[in-house]
Amino acid sequence: MKIQKKHSLNLRGHQTSVSLEPQFWHAFKYIADQKKIGINALASEIDEGRVPQAGLASSIRLYVLTHYQKQAT
């Protein structure tokens, strides 16, 4: 069962929202804090680097997963 919550973001002046599980949202915010940038700035970085076919929420999940995989190696 998926439990997602919708979160509002501002990407370069454009309002959007993503639905993420609480664990991914908290990890996303934690990574932004570690990088000393806001969640909107991190979301914009992820948005700029994603392929057009990938949704923003999926791209955020993959970013979080990759971040922690790199830390584990």
N, C-alpha and C. Protein backbone atom coordinates (compact mmCIF):
# COMPACT_ATOMS: atom_id res chain seq x y z
N MET A 1 0.84 -1.18 0.00
CA MET A 1 0.00 0.00 0.00
C MET A 1 0.89 1.25 0.00
N LYS A 2 0.62 2.14 -0.95
CA LYS A 2 1.38 3.38 -1.02
C LYS A 2 0.70 4.44 -0.17
N ILE A 3 1.49 5.12 0.62
CA ILE A 3 0.98 6.27 1.36
C ILE A 3 1.81 7.46 0.92
N GLN A 4 1.23 8.26 0.08
CA GLN A 4 1.94 9.42 -0.45
C GLN A 4 1.23 10.69 0.00
N LYS A 5 2.01 11.74 0.07
CA LYS A 5 1.46 13.04 0.40
C LYS A 5 1.92 14.02 -0.67
N LYS A 6 1.05 14.92 -1.04
CA LYS A 6 1.37 15.91 -2.06
C LYS A 6 2.12 17.08 -1.40
N HIS A 7 3.22 17.48 -2.03
CA HIS A 7 4.05 18.58 -1.52
C HIS A 7 4.20 19.63 -2.62
N SER A 8 4.08 20.88 -2.26
CA SER A 8 4.23 21.97 -3.21
C SER A 8 5.68 22.38 -3.35
N LEU A 9 6.08 22.65 -4.58
CA LEU A 9 7.43 23.12 -4.87
C LEU A 9 7.34 24.29 -5.84
N ASN A 10 8.40 25.10 -5.84
CA ASN A 10 8.50 26.20 -6.78
C ASN A 10 9.77 25.97 -7.60
N LEU A 11 9.59 25.66 -8.88
CA LEU A 11 10.73 25.39 -9.77
C LEU A 11 10.95 26.59 -10.68
N ARG A 12 11.96 27.36 -10.37
CA ARG A 12 12.31 28.52 -11.18
C ARG A 12 11.09 29.42 -11.45
N GLY A 13 10.32 29.69 -10.39
CA GLY A 13 9.18 30.59 -10.49
C GLY A 13 7.87 29.93 -10.88
N HIS A 14 7.86 28.62 -11.07
CA HIS A 14 6.64 27.91 -11.45
C HIS A 14 6.23 26.96 -10.33
N GLN A 15 4.98 27.10 -9.88
CA GLN A 15 4.46 26.23 -8.84
C GLN A 15 4.16 24.84 -9.43
N THR A 16 4.52 23.83 -8.68
CA THR A 16 4.19 22.46 -9.05
C THR A 16 4.06 21.66 -7.76
N SER A 17 3.64 20.44 -7.89
CA SER A 17 3.56 19.59 -6.70
C SER A 17 4.02 18.19 -7.06
N VAL A 18 4.49 17.49 -6.05
CA VAL A 18 4.91 16.10 -6.21
C VAL A 18 4.28 15.28 -5.09
N SER A 19 3.95 14.05 -5.40
CA SER A 19 3.44 13.13 -4.40
C SER A 19 4.54 12.15 -4.05
N LEU A 20 4.98 12.20 -2.80
CA LEU A 20 6.06 11.34 -2.35
C LEU A 20 5.68 10.67 -1.03
N GLU A 21 6.22 9.49 -0.84
CA GLU A 21 6.09 8.81 0.44
C GLU A 21 6.86 9.62 1.49
N PRO A 22 6.39 9.59 2.75
CA PRO A 22 7.05 10.39 3.79
C PRO A 22 8.55 10.12 3.91
N GLN A 23 8.96 8.87 3.74
CA GLN A 23 10.38 8.53 3.88
C GLN A 23 11.21 9.23 2.80
N PHE A 24 10.71 9.26 1.57
CA PHE A 24 11.44 9.94 0.50
C PHE A 24 11.44 11.44 0.71
N TRP A 25 10.32 12.01 1.16
CA TRP A 25 10.26 13.45 1.40
C TRP A 25 11.25 13.86 2.48
N HIS A 26 11.29 13.11 3.57
CA HIS A 26 12.23 13.45 4.66
C HIS A 26 13.68 13.30 4.20
N ALA A 27 13.98 12.25 3.44
CA ALA A 27 15.34 12.07 2.92
C ALA A 27 15.70 13.19 1.96
N PHE A 28 14.77 13.59 1.12
CA PHE A 28 14.98 14.69 0.17
C PHE A 28 15.30 15.99 0.91
N LYS A 29 14.51 16.29 1.94
CA LYS A 29 14.76 17.49 2.74
C LYS A 29 16.10 17.41 3.46
N TYR A 30 16.45 16.23 3.97
CA TYR A 30 17.72 16.04 4.67
C TYR A 30 18.90 16.28 3.72
N ILE A 31 18.81 15.76 2.52
CA ILE A 31 19.89 15.97 1.53
C ILE A 31 20.03 17.45 1.21
N ALA A 32 18.91 18.14 1.03
CA ALA A 32 18.96 19.58 0.77
C ALA A 32 19.64 20.31 1.93
N ASP A 33 19.31 19.93 3.15
CA ASP A 33 19.95 20.53 4.33
C ASP A 33 21.45 20.26 4.33
N GLN A 34 21.84 19.02 4.01
CA GLN A 34 23.26 18.67 3.95
C GLN A 34 24.00 19.53 2.92
N LYS A 35 23.34 19.78 1.80
CA LYS A 35 23.95 20.58 0.72
C LYS A 35 23.85 22.08 0.99
N LYS A 36 23.11 22.42 2.08
CA LYS A 36 22.91 23.82 2.47
C LYS A 36 22.19 24.62 1.37
N ILE A 37 21.18 23.96 0.77
CA ILE A 37 20.32 24.62 -0.20
C ILE A 37 18.87 24.29 0.15
N GLY A 38 17.97 25.08 -0.37
CA GLY A 38 16.55 24.84 -0.12
C GLY A 38 16.02 23.68 -0.96
N ILE A 39 14.87 23.18 -0.56
CA ILE A 39 14.29 22.07 -1.31
C ILE A 39 13.87 22.49 -2.71
N ASN A 40 13.48 23.75 -2.89
CA ASN A 40 13.12 24.21 -4.23
C ASN A 40 14.34 24.23 -5.14
N ALA A 41 15.49 24.65 -4.60
CA ALA A 41 16.72 24.66 -5.40
C ALA A 41 17.15 23.24 -5.77
N LEU A 42 17.06 22.32 -4.82
CA LEU A 42 17.42 20.93 -5.12
C LEU A 42 16.45 20.33 -6.12
N ALA A 43 15.16 20.59 -5.95
CA ALA A 43 14.18 20.09 -6.91
C ALA A 43 14.43 20.66 -8.31
N SER A 44 14.84 21.92 -8.38
CA SER A 44 15.15 22.52 -9.68
C SER A 44 16.36 21.84 -10.32
N GLU A 45 17.39 21.53 -9.52
CA GLU A 45 18.55 20.81 -10.05
C GLU A 45 18.14 19.45 -10.61
N ILE A 46 17.32 18.74 -9.85
CA ILE A 46 16.86 17.42 -10.28
C ILE A 46 16.01 17.56 -11.54
N ASP A 47 15.14 18.55 -11.57
CA ASP A 47 14.27 18.77 -12.71
C ASP A 47 15.07 19.06 -13.98
N GLU A 48 16.11 19.86 -13.86
CA GLU A 48 16.94 20.21 -15.01
C GLU A 48 17.67 19.00 -15.57
N GLY A 49 18.01 18.04 -14.71
CA GLY A 49 18.78 16.89 -15.14
C GLY A 49 17.97 15.68 -15.56
N ARG A 50 16.67 15.73 -15.39
CA ARG A 50 15.87 14.54 -15.69
C ARG A 50 15.52 14.46 -17.17
N VAL A 51 15.29 13.23 -17.61
CA VAL A 51 14.84 13.04 -18.99
C VAL A 51 13.36 13.41 -19.07
N PRO A 52 12.91 13.92 -20.21
CA PRO A 52 11.52 14.39 -20.31
C PRO A 52 10.47 13.32 -20.00
N GLN A 53 10.79 12.05 -20.23
CA GLN A 53 9.82 10.99 -19.99
C GLN A 53 9.65 10.68 -18.50
N ALA A 54 10.58 11.09 -17.67
CA ALA A 54 10.54 10.78 -16.24
C ALA A 54 9.78 11.88 -15.50
N GLY A 55 8.91 11.46 -14.61
CA GLY A 55 8.21 12.43 -13.77
C GLY A 55 9.12 12.98 -12.69
N LEU A 56 8.78 14.14 -12.18
CA LEU A 56 9.61 14.77 -11.15
C LEU A 56 9.65 13.93 -9.87
N ALA A 57 8.52 13.38 -9.45
CA ALA A 57 8.51 12.57 -8.23
C ALA A 57 9.43 11.36 -8.37
N SER A 58 9.35 10.69 -9.50
CA SER A 58 10.22 9.53 -9.74
C SER A 58 11.68 9.95 -9.78
N SER A 59 11.95 11.08 -10.37
CA SER A 59 13.33 11.58 -10.44
C SER A 59 13.86 11.91 -9.06
N ILE A 60 13.03 12.46 -8.19
CA ILE A 60 13.44 12.75 -6.82
C ILE A 60 13.75 11.45 -6.08
N ARG A 61 12.88 10.44 -6.24
CA ARG A 61 13.12 9.15 -5.60
C ARG A 61 14.45 8.56 -6.06
N LEU A 62 14.72 8.60 -7.36
CA LEU A 62 15.98 8.05 -7.88
C LEU A 62 17.18 8.85 -7.37
N TYR A 63 17.02 10.16 -7.27
CA TYR A 63 18.10 11.01 -6.74
C TYR A 63 18.42 10.61 -5.30
N VAL A 64 17.38 10.44 -4.49
CA VAL A 64 17.56 10.05 -3.08
C VAL A 64 18.24 8.68 -3.02
N LEU A 65 17.75 7.73 -3.79
CA LEU A 65 18.32 6.39 -3.79
C LEU A 65 19.79 6.43 -4.20
N THR A 66 20.10 7.14 -5.27
CA THR A 66 21.49 7.24 -5.73
C THR A 66 22.38 7.90 -4.69
N HIS A 67 21.86 8.94 -4.04
CA HIS A 67 22.62 9.63 -3.00
C HIS A 67 23.06 8.66 -1.91
N TYR A 68 22.13 7.84 -1.44
CA TYR A 68 22.46 6.91 -0.36
C TYR A 68 23.26 5.71 -0.84
N GLN A 69 23.09 5.31 -2.08
CA GLN A 69 23.92 4.24 -2.62
C GLN A 69 25.37 4.70 -2.70
N LYS A 70 25.61 5.93 -3.11
CA LYS A 70 26.97 6.47 -3.18
C LYS A 70 27.61 6.54 -1.79
N GLN A 71 26.81 6.90 -0.79
CA GLN A 71 27.33 6.96 0.57
C GLN A 71 27.70 5.60 1.11
N ALA A 72 27.03 4.57 0.64
CA ALA A 72 27.26 3.21 1.13
C ALA A 72 28.50 2.56 0.54
N THR A 73 29.03 3.14 -0.54
CA THR A 73 30.21 2.54 -1.18
C THR A 73 31.48 3.22 -0.74
